[in-house]
Amino acid sequence: MAGKAAKTAGLLVAATGAAHFAAPQLFENLSASLFPEDTRSWVYRNGATEVALGAAIVGRRTRKLGVVGLLAYGGWLASRAAAQR
């Protein structure tokens, strides 16, 4: 990922994560099917994960680790979705 595009992507991921804290109700319906128990807590956990991964992607030295983490996080969410079917 090139510098400016990576920073923009990282900021978007981090902003999405921060939105989990600013307006958690917006994410509860989305999250309820994957996290039916203690959904609000999972909204916050996922938000924190996205803030951390986004920040890692913004930093040049941590970018590769952040991208790998984001891919792993996406895979984990997909596995949760598949398990609910």
C-alpha atoms as a PDB file:
ATOM      1  CA  MET A   1       0.000   0.000   0.000  1.00  0.00           C
ATOM      2  CA  ALA A   2       1.458   3.358  -1.012  1.00  0.00           C
ATOM      3  CA  GLY A   3       1.973   6.096   1.580  1.00  0.00           C
ATOM      4  CA  LYS A   4      -0.948   8.481   1.077  1.00  0.00           C
ATOM      5  CA  ALA A   5      -3.448   5.735   0.220  1.00  0.00           C
ATOM      6  CA  ALA A   6      -2.357   3.721   3.260  1.00  0.00           C
ATOM      7  CA  LYS A   7      -2.721   6.702   5.567  1.00  0.00           C
ATOM      8  CA  THR A   8      -6.167   7.448   4.184  1.00  0.00           C
ATOM      9  CA  ALA A   9      -7.254   3.811   4.526  1.00  0.00           C
ATOM     10  CA  GLY A  10      -5.848   3.635   8.048  1.00  0.00           C
ATOM     11  CA  LEU A  11      -7.634   6.815   9.067  1.00  0.00           C
ATOM     12  CA  LEU A  12     -10.911   5.488   7.651  1.00  0.00           C
ATOM     13  CA  VAL A  13     -10.552   2.210   9.558  1.00  0.00           C
ATOM     14  CA  ALA A  14      -9.665   4.083  12.757  1.00  0.00           C
ATOM     15  CA  ALA A  15     -12.555   6.527  12.293  1.00  0.00           C
ATOM     16  CA  THR A  16     -14.962   3.643  11.799  1.00  0.00           C
ATOM     17  CA  GLY A  17     -13.638   2.116  15.000  1.00  0.00           C
ATOM     18  CA  ALA A  18     -14.056   5.397  16.864  1.00  0.00           C
ATOM     19  CA  ALA A  19     -17.640   5.616  15.606  1.00  0.00           C
ATOM     20  CA  HIS A  20     -18.348   2.395  17.532  1.00  0.00           C
ATOM     21  CA  PHE A  21     -17.813   4.438  20.714  1.00  0.00           C
ATOM     22  CA  ALA A  22     -19.499   7.644  19.567  1.00  0.00           C
ATOM     23  CA  ALA A  23     -22.688   5.935  18.352  1.00  0.00           C
ATOM     24  CA  PRO A  24     -22.680   2.266  19.405  1.00  0.00           C
ATOM     25  CA  GLN A  25     -26.383   1.896  18.647  1.00  0.00           C
ATOM     26  CA  LEU A  26     -25.583   2.246  14.938  1.00  0.00           C
ATOM     27  CA  PHE A  27     -23.483  -0.917  15.108  1.00  0.00           C
ATOM     28  CA  GLU A  28     -25.664  -3.036  17.388  1.00  0.00           C
ATOM     29  CA  ASN A  29     -28.066  -4.274  14.699  1.00  0.00           C
ATOM     30  CA  LEU A  30     -25.127  -5.097  12.444  1.00  0.00           C
ATOM     31  CA  SER A  31     -23.297  -6.909  15.232  1.00  0.00           C
ATOM     32  CA  ALA A  32     -26.193  -8.732  16.871  1.00  0.00           C
ATOM     33  CA  SER A  33     -26.216 -11.646  14.429  1.00  0.00           C
ATOM     34  CA  LEU A  34     -22.481 -12.294  14.901  1.00  0.00           C
ATOM     35  CA  PHE A  35     -22.413 -11.506  18.611  1.00  0.00           C
ATOM     36  CA  PRO A  36     -25.865 -12.318  20.001  1.00  0.00           C
ATOM     37  CA  GLU A  37     -24.703 -12.331  23.626  1.00  0.00           C
ATOM     38  CA  ASP A  38     -23.374  -9.116  25.149  1.00  0.00           C
ATOM     39  CA  THR A  39     -23.657  -7.309  21.811  1.00  0.00           C
ATOM     40  CA  ARG A  40     -22.846  -3.830  23.145  1.00  0.00           C
ATOM     41  CA  SER A  41     -19.611  -5.086  24.691  1.00  0.00           C
ATOM     42  CA  TRP A  42     -18.658  -6.656  21.360  1.00  0.00           C
ATOM     43  CA  VAL A  43     -19.408  -3.382  19.573  1.00  0.00           C
ATOM     44  CA  TYR A  44     -16.863  -1.680  21.828  1.00  0.00           C
ATOM     45  CA  ARG A  45     -14.301  -4.484  21.437  1.00  0.00           C
ATOM     46  CA  ASN A  46     -14.603  -4.391  17.668  1.00  0.00           C
ATOM     47  CA  GLY A  47     -14.331  -0.610  17.713  1.00  0.00           C
ATOM     48  CA  ALA A  48     -11.137  -0.778  19.766  1.00  0.00           C
ATOM     49  CA  THR A  49      -9.720  -3.366  17.381  1.00  0.00           C
ATOM     50  CA  GLU A  50     -10.482  -1.173  14.386  1.00  0.00           C
ATOM     51  CA  VAL A  51      -8.935   1.903  16.018  1.00  0.00           C
ATOM     52  CA  ALA A  52      -5.756  -0.056  16.790  1.00  0.00           C
ATOM     53  CA  LEU A  53      -5.532  -1.602  13.327  1.00  0.00           C
ATOM     54  CA  GLY A  54      -6.227   1.715  11.621  1.00  0.00           C
ATOM     55  CA  ALA A  55      -3.535   3.425  13.678  1.00  0.00           C
ATOM     56  CA  ALA A  56      -1.092   0.649  12.778  1.00  0.00           C
ATOM     57  CA  ILE A  57      -1.842   1.121   9.079  1.00  0.00           C
ATOM     58  CA  VAL A  58      -1.278   4.884   9.322  1.00  0.00           C
ATOM     59  CA  GLY A  59       2.219   4.413  10.732  1.00  0.00           C
ATOM     60  CA  ARG A  60       4.843   3.595   8.110  1.00  0.00           C
ATOM     61  CA  ARG A  61       6.817   1.308  10.426  1.00  0.00           C
ATOM     62  CA  THR A  62       3.745  -0.659  11.555  1.00  0.00           C
ATOM     63  CA  ARG A  63       1.840  -0.655   8.262  1.00  0.00           C
ATOM     64  CA  LYS A  64       2.557  -4.240   7.189  1.00  0.00           C
ATOM     65  CA  LEU A  65       1.601  -5.595  10.591  1.00  0.00           C
ATOM     66  CA  GLY A  66      -1.562  -3.473  10.537  1.00  0.00           C
ATOM     67  CA  VAL A  67      -2.577  -4.776   7.110  1.00  0.00           C
ATOM     68  CA  VAL A  68      -1.949  -8.378   8.179  1.00  0.00           C
ATOM     69  CA  GLY A  69      -3.962  -7.719  11.335  1.00  0.00           C
ATOM     70  CA  LEU A  70      -6.810  -6.211   9.334  1.00  0.00           C
ATOM     71  CA  LEU A  71      -6.893  -9.239   7.040  1.00  0.00           C
ATOM     72  CA  ALA A  72      -6.891 -11.575  10.042  1.00  0.00           C
ATOM     73  CA  TYR A  73      -9.653  -9.546  11.700  1.00  0.00           C
ATOM     74  CA  GLY A  74     -11.733  -9.680   8.510  1.00  0.00           C
ATOM     75  CA  GLY A  75     -11.196 -13.438   8.337  1.00  0.00           C
ATOM     76  CA  TRP A  76     -12.241 -13.833  11.951  1.00  0.00           C
ATOM     77  CA  LEU A  77     -15.427 -11.831  11.369  1.00  0.00           C
ATOM     78  CA  ALA A  78     -16.171 -13.924   8.271  1.00  0.00           C
ATOM     79  CA  SER A  79     -15.707 -17.118  10.278  1.00  0.00           C
ATOM     80  CA  ARG A  80     -18.148 -15.811  12.902  1.00  0.00           C
ATOM     81  CA  ALA A  81     -20.663 -15.091  10.136  1.00  0.00           C
ATOM     82  CA  ALA A  82     -20.195 -18.556   8.633  1.00  0.00           C
ATOM     83  CA  ALA A  83     -20.646 -20.196  12.041  1.00  0.00           C
ATOM     84  CA  GLN A  84     -23.997 -18.424  12.507  1.00  0.00           C
ATOM     85  CA  ARG A  85     -25.494 -19.953   9.351  1.00  0.00           C
END
